[in-house]
Amino acid sequence: MKKIFCMTLALATLMCTNIQAAEKIIKMVGWKENGYSEPQYTGSAHRYDWRDRFDIELLANPNIFPWSSSRLGSVFEKIFSDLAEKEHIVIILKYPLRDYAQMIDNFEKNIGEIQGVFASYYENIPYSKNQYIYPSFFENNIHIITPLQTTISLKTKEELKNYKGVYVSQDYFSSFVLKDFAKLGIEKVKDFPEAYKKLLTGEIDYVVASYYPSQIELYKLGIHDYVAYSTNPIWKIPMFFRVTPEVANHPRIAYLKKYLKSASYAKAKEEGMNELLQIYKENTRGIVPPTYINVGPKEYQQEKNIDISSEQLPTEKTNE
């Protein structure tokens, strides 16, 4: 996209609108509630005042942080600011006041005024005219988590049937992955604290979870140093924007698609996600682990070193 610079006050008055500085505000909240502070990503939907500004309003799930949260916002509020600055395309995340699932259903049936949905997994919806924007804006890596230095040797993911594992109902998976879990005998538990307790007391062999949400919960519980992640993800599931035909066919979407493939976006995304984890790492220092942990990480490492061969887990990419 060509950038136009105003060379004189007269030209500025005639050709350019006032360009406001982009707000990149991360407020820290929650210290008094839970012993640590969390990042609250905020930003005004009106912080960009370019004449060629193009807004895309996307309905976001209010309960699945870090992808989105009505209380904490989304780390993508920060990541997408780079898109706005470079292409003047502003992604605005909207959090529903009523039932999210019903609003999604209405969107697919073209009821209401929703422009699109944020963080959608690919699903075949034959009756809907709405469309996915390719490429995906994020690939959700799903890993196996084991006690520290416990390794599970797998040549294929089907061999997970030989071990006992769980996933967390509050994690966010596609229907394809959930079908895989059922075939592999991976059982559902209520939340991350329950899953990690089962893992670190020896009741199960592994937890399967999305990389970033599971890391955050480890920090919040003070047990990050007691577990290890598979070297490679077992599933890599893309997340998409899903929008109405009017948005999908808008000429400016070509700029969005090009940007999502760019090195600039890859850098902004990596920096944003790494910053998110660093915030939790720094702000949960000193959290006392649950009572079922009665030794330090080094002692735990020695006690839980199970002799299973340590072949590297295969990478399997799913194109839904």
C-alpha atoms as a PDB file:
ATOM      1  CA  MET A   1       0.000   0.000   0.000  1.00  0.00           C
ATOM      2  CA  LYS A   2       1.359   3.424  -0.913  1.00  0.00           C
ATOM      3  CA  LYS A   3       1.678   5.871   1.936  1.00  0.00           C
ATOM      4  CA  ILE A   4       0.796   9.540   1.242  1.00  0.00           C
ATOM      5  CA  PHE A   5       2.674  12.114   3.284  1.00  0.00           C
ATOM      6  CA  CYS A   6       1.385  15.680   3.711  1.00  0.00           C
ATOM      7  CA  MET A   7       4.115  18.109   2.694  1.00  0.00           C
ATOM      8  CA  THR A   8       2.477  21.406   3.591  1.00  0.00           C
ATOM      9  CA  LEU A   9      -0.148  22.646   5.979  1.00  0.00           C
ATOM     10  CA  ALA A  10      -2.450  23.436   3.041  1.00  0.00           C
ATOM     11  CA  LEU A  11      -2.109  19.952   1.580  1.00  0.00           C
ATOM     12  CA  ALA A  12      -2.575  18.481   5.028  1.00  0.00           C
ATOM     13  CA  THR A  13      -5.815  20.365   5.395  1.00  0.00           C
ATOM     14  CA  LEU A  14      -7.094  19.334   1.976  1.00  0.00           C
ATOM     15  CA  MET A  15      -5.859  15.763   1.625  1.00  0.00           C
ATOM     16  CA  CYS A  16      -5.253  14.213   5.042  1.00  0.00           C
ATOM     17  CA  THR A  17      -7.334  13.596   8.082  1.00  0.00           C
ATOM     18  CA  ASN A  18      -5.868  13.803  11.548  1.00  0.00           C
ATOM     19  CA  ILE A  19      -3.848  10.641  12.278  1.00  0.00           C
ATOM     20  CA  GLN A  20      -4.035   9.786  15.944  1.00  0.00           C
ATOM     21  CA  ALA A  21      -1.313   7.805  17.674  1.00  0.00           C
ATOM     22  CA  ALA A  22      -2.220   4.156  18.021  1.00  0.00           C
ATOM     23  CA  GLU A  23      -3.066   3.164  21.577  1.00  0.00           C
ATOM     24  CA  LYS A  24      -1.176   0.091  22.709  1.00  0.00           C
ATOM     25  CA  ILE A  25      -2.241  -0.143  26.310  1.00  0.00           C
ATOM     26  CA  ILE A  26      -1.765  -3.187  28.503  1.00  0.00           C
ATOM     27  CA  LYS A  27      -3.225  -2.703  31.957  1.00  0.00           C
ATOM     28  CA  MET A  28      -2.380  -5.137  34.731  1.00  0.00           C
ATOM     29  CA  VAL A  29      -5.378  -6.320  36.742  1.00  0.00           C
ATOM     30  CA  GLY A  30      -6.313  -8.913  39.329  1.00  0.00           C
ATOM     31  CA  TRP A  31      -3.538  -8.722  41.926  1.00  0.00           C
ATOM     32  CA  LYS A  32      -5.859  -8.449  44.906  1.00  0.00           C
ATOM     33  CA  GLU A  33      -8.098 -11.244  43.611  1.00  0.00           C
ATOM     34  CA  ASN A  34      -5.683 -14.091  43.044  1.00  0.00           C
ATOM     35  CA  GLY A  35      -2.153 -13.147  44.102  1.00  0.00           C
ATOM     36  CA  TYR A  36      -0.897 -12.236  40.633  1.00  0.00           C
ATOM     37  CA  SER A  37      -1.672  -9.631  38.012  1.00  0.00           C
ATOM     38  CA  GLU A  38      -2.971 -10.406  34.527  1.00  0.00           C
ATOM     39  CA  PRO A  39      -2.703  -8.419  31.286  1.00  0.00           C
ATOM     40  CA  GLN A  40      -5.808  -6.600  30.159  1.00  0.00           C
ATOM     41  CA  TYR A  41      -5.455  -5.715  26.494  1.00  0.00           C
ATOM     42  CA  THR A  42      -7.398  -2.591  25.614  1.00  0.00           C
ATOM     43  CA  GLY A  43      -7.619  -0.228  22.678  1.00  0.00           C
ATOM     44  CA  SER A  44     -10.105   2.282  21.347  1.00  0.00           C
ATOM     45  CA  ALA A  45     -11.936   1.260  18.179  1.00  0.00           C
ATOM     46  CA  HIS A  46     -11.521   4.901  17.056  1.00  0.00           C
ATOM     47  CA  ARG A  47      -7.777   5.226  17.522  1.00  0.00           C
ATOM     48  CA  TYR A  48      -7.120   5.267  13.741  1.00  0.00           C
ATOM     49  CA  ASP A  49      -8.508   8.241  11.846  1.00  0.00           C
ATOM     50  CA  TRP A  50      -7.311   7.530   8.303  1.00  0.00           C
ATOM     51  CA  ARG A  51      -9.575   8.395   5.382  1.00  0.00           C
ATOM     52  CA  ASP A  52      -9.098   4.932   3.850  1.00  0.00           C
ATOM     53  CA  ARG A  53      -9.647   3.097   7.134  1.00  0.00           C
ATOM     54  CA  PHE A  54     -11.471  -0.225   6.699  1.00  0.00           C
ATOM     55  CA  ASP A  55     -13.086  -1.776   9.790  1.00  0.00           C
ATOM     56  CA  ILE A  56     -13.947  -5.445  10.235  1.00  0.00           C
ATOM     57  CA  GLU A  57     -16.072  -6.146  13.311  1.00  0.00           C
ATOM     58  CA  LEU A  58     -15.752  -9.728  14.543  1.00  0.00           C
ATOM     59  CA  LEU A  59     -17.781 -11.462  17.233  1.00  0.00           C
ATOM     60  CA  ALA A  60     -15.413 -12.917  19.848  1.00  0.00           C
ATOM     61  CA  ASN A  61     -16.015 -15.636  22.424  1.00  0.00           C
ATOM     62  CA  PRO A  62     -16.012 -13.797  25.776  1.00  0.00           C
ATOM     63  CA  ASN A  63     -14.743 -16.747  27.829  1.00  0.00           C
ATOM     64  CA  ILE A  64     -11.627 -18.139  26.111  1.00  0.00           C
ATOM     65  CA  PHE A  65      -8.510 -16.195  27.036  1.00  0.00           C
ATOM     66  CA  PRO A  66      -5.973 -15.528  25.486  1.00  0.00           C
ATOM     67  CA  TRP A  67      -7.917 -15.674  22.215  1.00  0.00           C
ATOM     68  CA  SER A  68     -10.567 -13.388  23.659  1.00  0.00           C
ATOM     69  CA  SER A  69     -12.137 -12.424  26.956  1.00  0.00           C
ATOM     70  CA  SER A  70     -14.783  -9.869  27.851  1.00  0.00           C
ATOM     71  CA  ARG A  71     -12.708  -9.085  30.976  1.00  0.00           C
ATOM     72  CA  LEU A  72      -9.124  -9.245  29.670  1.00  0.00           C
ATOM     73  CA  GLY A  73      -9.580  -8.520  25.975  1.00  0.00           C
ATOM     74  CA  SER A  74      -7.275 -10.392  23.601  1.00  0.00           C
ATOM     75  CA  VAL A  75      -3.561 -10.399  22.927  1.00  0.00           C
ATOM     76  CA  PHE A  76      -4.597  -9.958  19.285  1.00  0.00           C
ATOM     77  CA  GLU A  77      -5.782  -6.444  20.160  1.00  0.00           C
ATOM     78  CA  LYS A  78      -2.066  -5.662  20.309  1.00  0.00           C
ATOM     79  CA  ILE A  79      -0.974  -7.918  17.439  1.00  0.00           C
ATOM     80  CA  PHE A  80      -3.567  -6.488  15.026  1.00  0.00           C
ATOM     81  CA  SER A  81      -2.441  -2.917  15.716  1.00  0.00           C
ATOM     82  CA  ASP A  82       0.439  -3.574  13.303  1.00  0.00           C
ATOM     83  CA  LEU A  83      -2.096  -4.457  10.595  1.00  0.00           C
ATOM     84  CA  ALA A  84      -3.909  -1.169  11.185  1.00  0.00           C
ATOM     85  CA  GLU A  85      -0.741   0.885  11.033  1.00  0.00           C
ATOM     86  CA  LYS A  86       0.523  -0.766   7.837  1.00  0.00           C
ATOM     87  CA  GLU A  87      -2.709  -1.356   5.893  1.00  0.00           C
ATOM     88  CA  HIS A  88      -5.300   0.854   7.648  1.00  0.00           C
ATOM     89  CA  ILE A  89      -7.420  -2.257   8.248  1.00  0.00           C
ATOM     90  CA  VAL A  90      -8.784  -2.293  11.803  1.00  0.00           C
ATOM     91  CA  ILE A  91      -9.944  -5.575  13.366  1.00  0.00           C
ATOM     92  CA  ILE A  92     -12.493  -4.785  16.077  1.00  0.00           C
ATOM     93  CA  LEU A  93     -13.377  -7.590  18.484  1.00  0.00           C
ATOM     94  CA  LYS A  94     -16.920  -7.449  19.848  1.00  0.00           C
ATOM     95  CA  TYR A  95     -17.990  -9.375  22.937  1.00  0.00           C
ATOM     96  CA  PRO A  96     -21.632 -10.525  23.065  1.00  0.00           C
ATOM     97  CA  LEU A  97     -23.956  -9.497  25.866  1.00  0.00           C
ATOM     98  CA  ARG A  98     -26.157 -12.554  25.320  1.00  0.00           C
ATOM     99  CA  ASP A  99     -25.663 -16.200  24.364  1.00  0.00           C
ATOM    100  CA  TYR A 100     -22.552 -16.540  22.180  1.00  0.00           C
ATOM    101  CA  ALA A 101     -23.522 -19.885  20.607  1.00  0.00           C
ATOM    102  CA  GLN A 102     -26.945 -18.525  19.611  1.00  0.00           C
ATOM    103  CA  MET A 103     -25.340 -15.470  18.037  1.00  0.00           C
ATOM    104  CA  ILE A 104     -23.034 -17.728  15.998  1.00  0.00           C
ATOM    105  CA  ASP A 105     -26.039 -19.712  14.798  1.00  0.00           C
ATOM    106  CA  ASN A 106     -27.840 -16.505  13.846  1.00  0.00           C
ATOM    107  CA  PHE A 107     -24.736 -15.331  11.964  1.00  0.00           C
ATOM    108  CA  GLU A 108     -24.628 -18.496   9.870  1.00  0.00           C
ATOM    109  CA  LYS A 109     -28.327 -18.094   9.092  1.00  0.00           C
ATOM    110  CA  ASN A 110     -27.748 -14.445   8.129  1.00  0.00           C
ATOM    111  CA  ILE A 111     -29.862 -13.161  11.005  1.00  0.00           C
ATOM    112  CA  GLY A 112     -28.751  -9.907  12.600  1.00  0.00           C
ATOM    113  CA  GLU A 113     -25.929  -7.552  11.674  1.00  0.00           C
ATOM    114  CA  ILE A 114     -22.771  -9.487  12.581  1.00  0.00           C
ATOM    115  CA  GLN A 115     -19.969  -8.938  10.052  1.00  0.00           C
ATOM    116  CA  GLY A 116     -17.919 -11.942  11.072  1.00  0.00           C
ATOM    117  CA  VAL A 117     -16.583 -14.280  13.751  1.00  0.00           C
ATOM    118  CA  PHE A 118     -13.107 -14.226  15.272  1.00  0.00           C
ATOM    119  CA  ALA A 119     -11.012 -17.364  15.916  1.00  0.00           C
ATOM    120  CA  SER A 120     -13.167 -19.872  14.043  1.00  0.00           C
ATOM    121  CA  TYR A 121     -11.962 -23.382  13.358  1.00  0.00           C
ATOM    122  CA  TYR A 122     -12.827 -24.811   9.976  1.00  0.00           C
ATOM    123  CA  GLU A 123     -16.190 -26.548   9.919  1.00  0.00           C
ATOM    124  CA  ASN A 124     -18.253 -27.662   6.938  1.00  0.00           C
ATOM    125  CA  ILE A 125     -21.437 -25.558   7.104  1.00  0.00           C
ATOM    126  CA  PRO A 126     -23.235 -26.324   3.832  1.00  0.00           C
ATOM    127  CA  TYR A 127     -26.305 -24.159   4.451  1.00  0.00           C
ATOM    128  CA  SER A 128     -24.330 -20.980   5.184  1.00  0.00           C
ATOM    129  CA  LYS A 129     -23.193 -18.380   2.636  1.00  0.00           C
ATOM    130  CA  ASN A 130     -20.552 -17.000   5.003  1.00  0.00           C
ATOM    131  CA  GLN A 131     -16.903 -17.538   4.119  1.00  0.00           C
ATOM    132  CA  TYR A 132     -13.508 -18.155   5.708  1.00  0.00           C
ATOM    133  CA  ILE A 133     -10.716 -15.694   4.976  1.00  0.00           C
ATOM    134  CA  TYR A 134      -7.599 -17.534   3.893  1.00  0.00           C
ATOM    135  CA  PRO A 135      -4.869 -17.875   5.013  1.00  0.00           C
ATOM    136  CA  SER A 136      -5.494 -18.526   8.697  1.00  0.00           C
ATOM    137  CA  PHE A 137      -4.369 -15.815  11.102  1.00  0.00           C
ATOM    138  CA  PHE A 138      -3.157 -18.301  13.744  1.00  0.00           C
ATOM    139  CA  GLU A 139      -2.308 -21.983  14.039  1.00  0.00           C
ATOM    140  CA  ASN A 140      -3.333 -23.467  17.356  1.00  0.00           C
ATOM    141  CA  ASN A 141      -0.622 -25.915  18.399  1.00  0.00           C
ATOM    142  CA  ILE A 142      -1.837 -28.755  20.603  1.00  0.00           C
ATOM    143  CA  HIS A 143       0.844 -30.521  22.622  1.00  0.00           C
ATOM    144  CA  ILE A 144       1.201 -33.413  25.020  1.00  0.00           C
ATOM    145  CA  ILE A 145       2.203 -32.353  28.541  1.00  0.00           C
ATOM    146  CA  THR A 146       3.930 -34.861  30.851  1.00  0.00           C
ATOM    147  CA  PRO A 147       5.627 -34.690  34.238  1.00  0.00           C
ATOM    148  CA  LEU A 148       9.136 -33.275  34.020  1.00  0.00           C
ATOM    149  CA  GLN A 149      11.528 -35.610  32.183  1.00  0.00           C
ATOM    150  CA  THR A 150       8.851 -38.233  31.631  1.00  0.00           C
ATOM    151  CA  THR A 151       8.916 -39.024  27.920  1.00  0.00           C
ATOM    152  CA  ILE A 152       6.368 -40.939  25.883  1.00  0.00           C
ATOM    153  CA  SER A 153       7.643 -42.570  22.698  1.00  0.00           C
ATOM    154  CA  LEU A 154       5.233 -42.227  19.781  1.00  0.00           C
ATOM    155  CA  LYS A 155       5.581 -43.036  16.109  1.00  0.00           C
ATOM    156  CA  THR A 156       1.971 -42.063  15.411  1.00  0.00           C
ATOM    157  CA  LYS A 157      -0.637 -40.281  17.488  1.00  0.00           C
ATOM    158  CA  GLU A 158      -2.698 -43.508  17.501  1.00  0.00           C
ATOM    159  CA  GLU A 159      -0.220 -44.907  20.039  1.00  0.00           C
ATOM    160  CA  LEU A 160      -1.656 -42.510  22.613  1.00  0.00           C
ATOM    161  CA  LYS A 161      -4.215 -45.292  23.154  1.00  0.00           C
ATOM    162  CA  ASN A 162      -1.489 -47.053  25.173  1.00  0.00           C
ATOM    163  CA  TYR A 163      -1.403 -44.246  27.739  1.00  0.00           C
ATOM    164  CA  LYS A 164      -3.966 -42.529  29.920  1.00  0.00           C
ATOM    165  CA  GLY A 165      -4.644 -38.908  29.067  1.00  0.00           C
ATOM    166  CA  VAL A 166      -7.134 -36.099  29.562  1.00  0.00           C
ATOM    167  CA  TYR A 167      -8.124 -32.824  27.945  1.00  0.00           C
ATOM    168  CA  VAL A 168      -9.798 -29.830  29.565  1.00  0.00           C
ATOM    169  CA  SER A 169     -13.378 -28.806  28.818  1.00  0.00           C
ATOM    170  CA  GLN A 170     -12.462 -25.106  29.072  1.00  0.00           C
ATOM    171  CA  ASP A 171      -9.808 -25.474  26.342  1.00  0.00           C
ATOM    172  CA  TYR A 172     -10.855 -24.642  22.776  1.00  0.00           C
ATOM    173  CA  PHE A 173     -10.694 -27.415  20.144  1.00  0.00           C
ATOM    174  CA  SER A 174     -12.176 -28.047  16.711  1.00  0.00           C
ATOM    175  CA  SER A 175     -14.743 -30.805  16.173  1.00  0.00           C
ATOM    176  CA  PHE A 176     -12.090 -32.723  14.196  1.00  0.00           C
ATOM    177  CA  VAL A 177      -9.734 -32.809  17.192  1.00  0.00           C
ATOM    178  CA  LEU A 178     -12.520 -33.761  19.598  1.00  0.00           C
ATOM    179  CA  LYS A 179     -13.335 -36.749  17.385  1.00  0.00           C
ATOM    180  CA  ASP A 180      -9.674 -37.759  17.535  1.00  0.00           C
ATOM    181  CA  PHE A 181      -9.734 -37.497  21.332  1.00  0.00           C
ATOM    182  CA  ALA A 182     -12.729 -39.842  21.480  1.00  0.00           C
ATOM    183  CA  LYS A 183     -11.032 -42.406  19.216  1.00  0.00           C
ATOM    184  CA  LEU A 184      -7.851 -42.258  21.295  1.00  0.00           C
ATOM    185  CA  GLY A 185      -9.635 -42.639  24.623  1.00  0.00           C
ATOM    186  CA  ILE A 186      -8.633 -39.199  25.889  1.00  0.00           C
ATOM    187  CA  GLU A 187     -11.099 -38.246  28.602  1.00  0.00           C
ATOM    188  CA  LYS A 188     -12.507 -34.835  29.467  1.00  0.00           C
ATOM    189  CA  VAL A 189     -11.964 -33.112  32.831  1.00  0.00           C
ATOM    190  CA  LYS A 190     -13.450 -29.893  34.174  1.00  0.00           C
ATOM    191  CA  ASP A 191     -10.493 -27.522  34.219  1.00  0.00           C
ATOM    192  CA  PHE A 192      -6.714 -27.185  34.159  1.00  0.00           C
ATOM    193  CA  PRO A 193      -6.227 -27.462  37.949  1.00  0.00           C
ATOM    194  CA  GLU A 194      -7.980 -30.858  37.905  1.00  0.00           C
ATOM    195  CA  ALA A 195      -5.982 -32.018  34.875  1.00  0.00           C
ATOM    196  CA  TYR A 196      -2.621 -30.991  36.314  1.00  0.00           C
ATOM    197  CA  LYS A 197      -3.404 -32.545  39.691  1.00  0.00           C
ATOM    198  CA  LYS A 198      -4.173 -35.880  38.009  1.00  0.00           C
ATOM    199  CA  LEU A 199      -0.951 -35.555  36.009  1.00  0.00           C
ATOM    200  CA  LEU A 200       1.391 -34.694  38.860  1.00  0.00           C
ATOM    201  CA  THR A 201      -0.040 -37.250  41.273  1.00  0.00           C
ATOM    202  CA  GLY A 202       0.417 -40.081  38.757  1.00  0.00           C
ATOM    203  CA  GLU A 203      -3.263 -40.712  38.054  1.00  0.00           C
ATOM    204  CA  ILE A 204      -2.747 -40.082  34.312  1.00  0.00           C
ATOM    205  CA  ASP A 205       0.211 -40.129  31.915  1.00  0.00           C
ATOM    206  CA  TYR A 206      -0.381 -36.908  29.993  1.00  0.00           C
ATOM    207  CA  VAL A 207      -2.539 -33.871  29.385  1.00  0.00           C
ATOM    208  CA  VAL A 208      -3.271 -32.769  25.823  1.00  0.00           C
ATOM    209  CA  ALA A 209      -3.807 -29.024  25.534  1.00  0.00           C
ATOM    210  CA  SER A 210      -3.480 -25.861  23.473  1.00  0.00           C
ATOM    211  CA  TYR A 211      -0.003 -24.436  23.950  1.00  0.00           C
ATOM    212  CA  TYR A 212      -0.644 -20.889  25.161  1.00  0.00           C
ATOM    213  CA  PRO A 213      -3.718 -21.389  27.402  1.00  0.00           C
ATOM    214  CA  SER A 214      -2.084 -24.397  29.083  1.00  0.00           C
ATOM    215  CA  GLN A 215       1.159 -22.476  29.708  1.00  0.00           C
ATOM    216  CA  ILE A 216      -0.729 -19.599  31.310  1.00  0.00           C
ATOM    217  CA  GLU A 217      -2.544 -21.959  33.691  1.00  0.00           C
ATOM    218  CA  LEU A 218       0.767 -23.594  34.695  1.00  0.00           C
ATOM    219  CA  TYR A 219       2.170 -20.211  35.671  1.00  0.00           C
ATOM    220  CA  LYS A 220      -0.982 -19.287  37.585  1.00  0.00           C
ATOM    221  CA  LEU A 221      -0.769 -22.533  39.598  1.00  0.00           C
ATOM    222  CA  GLY A 222       2.962 -22.182  40.295  1.00  0.00           C
ATOM    223  CA  ILE A 223       3.813 -25.542  38.660  1.00  0.00           C
ATOM    224  CA  HIS A 224       5.365 -24.514  35.343  1.00  0.00           C
ATOM    225  CA  ASP A 225       8.722 -26.057  36.343  1.00  0.00           C
ATOM    226  CA  TYR A 226       7.186 -29.462  37.098  1.00  0.00           C
ATOM    227  CA  VAL A 227       6.084 -30.399  33.575  1.00  0.00           C
ATOM    228  CA  ALA A 228       7.455 -30.748  30.033  1.00  0.00           C
ATOM    229  CA  TYR A 229       5.902 -30.282  26.589  1.00  0.00           C
ATOM    230  CA  SER A 230       6.260 -32.592  23.603  1.00  0.00           C
ATOM    231  CA  THR A 231       8.986 -31.325  21.283  1.00  0.00           C
ATOM    232  CA  ASN A 232       6.508 -31.054  18.432  1.00  0.00           C
ATOM    233  CA  PRO A 233       2.742 -30.487  18.487  1.00  0.00           C
ATOM    234  CA  ILE A 234       0.465 -33.460  17.877  1.00  0.00           C
ATOM    235  CA  TRP A 235      -2.154 -31.300  16.140  1.00  0.00           C
ATOM    236  CA  LYS A 236      -1.727 -27.920  14.408  1.00  0.00           C
ATOM    237  CA  ILE A 237      -5.184 -26.555  13.755  1.00  0.00           C
ATOM    238  CA  PRO A 238      -5.639 -23.244  11.896  1.00  0.00           C
ATOM    239  CA  MET A 239      -7.871 -20.451  13.170  1.00  0.00           C
ATOM    240  CA  PHE A 240      -9.701 -18.226  10.698  1.00  0.00           C
ATOM    241  CA  PHE A 241     -11.788 -15.100  10.381  1.00  0.00           C
ATOM    242  CA  ARG A 242     -15.231 -16.132   9.103  1.00  0.00           C
ATOM    243  CA  VAL A 243     -17.157 -13.283   7.497  1.00  0.00           C
ATOM    244  CA  THR A 244     -20.208 -12.408   5.427  1.00  0.00           C
ATOM    245  CA  PRO A 245     -19.909 -12.482   1.616  1.00  0.00           C
ATOM    246  CA  GLU A 246     -20.029  -8.659   1.566  1.00  0.00           C
ATOM    247  CA  VAL A 247     -16.885  -8.480   3.705  1.00  0.00           C
ATOM    248  CA  ALA A 248     -15.155 -11.437   2.022  1.00  0.00           C
ATOM    249  CA  ASN A 249     -15.574  -9.859  -1.418  1.00  0.00           C
ATOM    250  CA  HIS A 250     -14.564  -6.336  -0.415  1.00  0.00           C
ATOM    251  CA  PRO A 251     -11.514  -5.093  -2.394  1.00  0.00           C
ATOM    252  CA  ARG A 252      -9.579  -4.328   0.807  1.00  0.00           C
ATOM    253  CA  ILE A 253      -9.634  -8.001   1.853  1.00  0.00           C
ATOM    254  CA  ALA A 254      -6.864  -8.605  -0.701  1.00  0.00           C
ATOM    255  CA  TYR A 255      -4.609  -6.421   1.467  1.00  0.00           C
ATOM    256  CA  LEU A 256      -5.576  -8.395   4.558  1.00  0.00           C
ATOM    257  CA  LYS A 257      -4.778 -11.722   2.900  1.00  0.00           C
ATOM    258  CA  LYS A 258      -1.397 -10.435   1.719  1.00  0.00           C
ATOM    259  CA  TYR A 259      -0.570  -9.089   5.175  1.00  0.00           C
ATOM    260  CA  LEU A 260      -1.443 -12.385   6.930  1.00  0.00           C
ATOM    261  CA  LYS A 261       1.232 -14.059   4.759  1.00  0.00           C
ATOM    262  CA  SER A 262       3.863 -11.404   5.486  1.00  0.00           C
ATOM    263  CA  ALA A 263       6.989 -11.464   7.635  1.00  0.00           C
ATOM    264  CA  SER A 264       5.647  -8.364   9.415  1.00  0.00           C
ATOM    265  CA  TYR A 265       2.619 -10.233  10.678  1.00  0.00           C
ATOM    266  CA  ALA A 266       4.667 -13.292  11.642  1.00  0.00           C
ATOM    267  CA  LYS A 267       6.927 -11.033  13.715  1.00  0.00           C
ATOM    268  CA  ALA A 268       4.061  -9.130  15.361  1.00  0.00           C
ATOM    269  CA  LYS A 269       2.333 -12.402  16.227  1.00  0.00           C
ATOM    270  CA  GLU A 270       5.452 -14.017  17.712  1.00  0.00           C
ATOM    271  CA  GLU A 271       6.341 -10.941  19.739  1.00  0.00           C
ATOM    272  CA  GLY A 272       2.799 -10.585  21.059  1.00  0.00           C
ATOM    273  CA  MET A 273       2.458 -14.203  22.168  1.00  0.00           C
ATOM    274  CA  ASN A 274       5.932 -14.265  23.728  1.00  0.00           C
ATOM    275  CA  GLU A 275       5.135 -11.055  25.604  1.00  0.00           C
ATOM    276  CA  LEU A 276       1.937 -12.629  26.901  1.00  0.00           C
ATOM    277  CA  LEU A 277       3.813 -15.613  28.371  1.00  0.00           C
ATOM    278  CA  GLN A 278       6.521 -13.346  29.793  1.00  0.00           C
ATOM    279  CA  ILE A 279       3.877 -11.278  31.585  1.00  0.00           C
ATOM    280  CA  TYR A 280       2.556 -14.385  33.330  1.00  0.00           C
ATOM    281  CA  LYS A 281       6.046 -15.670  34.078  1.00  0.00           C
ATOM    282  CA  GLU A 282       7.041 -12.413  35.754  1.00  0.00           C
ATOM    283  CA  ASN A 283       3.782 -11.801  37.591  1.00  0.00           C
ATOM    284  CA  THR A 284       3.382 -15.286  39.065  1.00  0.00           C
ATOM    285  CA  ARG A 285       6.856 -15.555  40.612  1.00  0.00           C
ATOM    286  CA  GLY A 286       6.518 -16.765  44.179  1.00  0.00           C
ATOM    287  CA  ILE A 287       3.145 -18.464  43.707  1.00  0.00           C
ATOM    288  CA  VAL A 288       3.038 -21.399  46.118  1.00  0.00           C
ATOM    289  CA  PRO A 289       2.299 -24.705  44.307  1.00  0.00           C
ATOM    290  CA  PRO A 290      -0.740 -26.798  45.360  1.00  0.00           C
ATOM    291  CA  THR A 291      -0.353 -29.032  48.412  1.00  0.00           C
ATOM    292  CA  TYR A 292      -0.008 -32.185  46.302  1.00  0.00           C
ATOM    293  CA  ILE A 293       3.428 -30.838  45.310  1.00  0.00           C
ATOM    294  CA  ASN A 294       5.635 -31.397  48.353  1.00  0.00           C
ATOM    295  CA  VAL A 295       9.116 -31.183  46.802  1.00  0.00           C
ATOM    296  CA  GLY A 296      10.996 -28.641  44.725  1.00  0.00           C
ATOM    297  CA  PRO A 297      11.310 -28.919  40.916  1.00  0.00           C
ATOM    298  CA  LYS A 298      14.829 -30.443  41.047  1.00  0.00           C
ATOM    299  CA  GLU A 299      13.819 -33.134  43.525  1.00  0.00           C
ATOM    300  CA  TYR A 300      10.657 -33.802  41.556  1.00  0.00           C
ATOM    301  CA  GLN A 301      12.709 -34.245  38.401  1.00  0.00           C
ATOM    302  CA  GLN A 302      14.784 -36.969  40.061  1.00  0.00           C
ATOM    303  CA  GLU A 303      11.809 -38.742  41.613  1.00  0.00           C
ATOM    304  CA  LYS A 304       9.676 -38.769  38.449  1.00  0.00           C
ATOM    305  CA  ASN A 305      12.285 -39.777  35.876  1.00  0.00           C
ATOM    306  CA  ILE A 306      10.452 -42.700  34.258  1.00  0.00           C
ATOM    307  CA  ASP A 307      12.468 -44.889  31.910  1.00  0.00           C
ATOM    308  CA  ILE A 308      10.570 -44.567  28.630  1.00  0.00           C
ATOM    309  CA  SER A 309      12.480 -44.091  25.382  1.00  0.00           C
ATOM    310  CA  SER A 310      12.633 -40.471  24.296  1.00  0.00           C
ATOM    311  CA  GLU A 311      11.955 -40.519  20.558  1.00  0.00           C
ATOM    312  CA  GLN A 312      10.825 -37.174  19.229  1.00  0.00           C
ATOM    313  CA  LEU A 313       7.100 -36.828  18.692  1.00  0.00           C
ATOM    314  CA  PRO A 314       6.073 -36.523  15.054  1.00  0.00           C
ATOM    315  CA  THR A 315       4.574 -33.314  13.734  1.00  0.00           C
ATOM    316  CA  GLU A 316       1.168 -33.771  12.219  1.00  0.00           C
ATOM    317  CA  LYS A 317      -0.517 -30.888  10.456  1.00  0.00           C
ATOM    318  CA  THR A 318      -4.232 -30.994   9.857  1.00  0.00           C
ATOM    319  CA  ASN A 319      -5.742 -29.121   6.937  1.00  0.00           C
ATOM    320  CA  GLU A 320      -9.390 -29.033   7.771  1.00  0.00           C
END
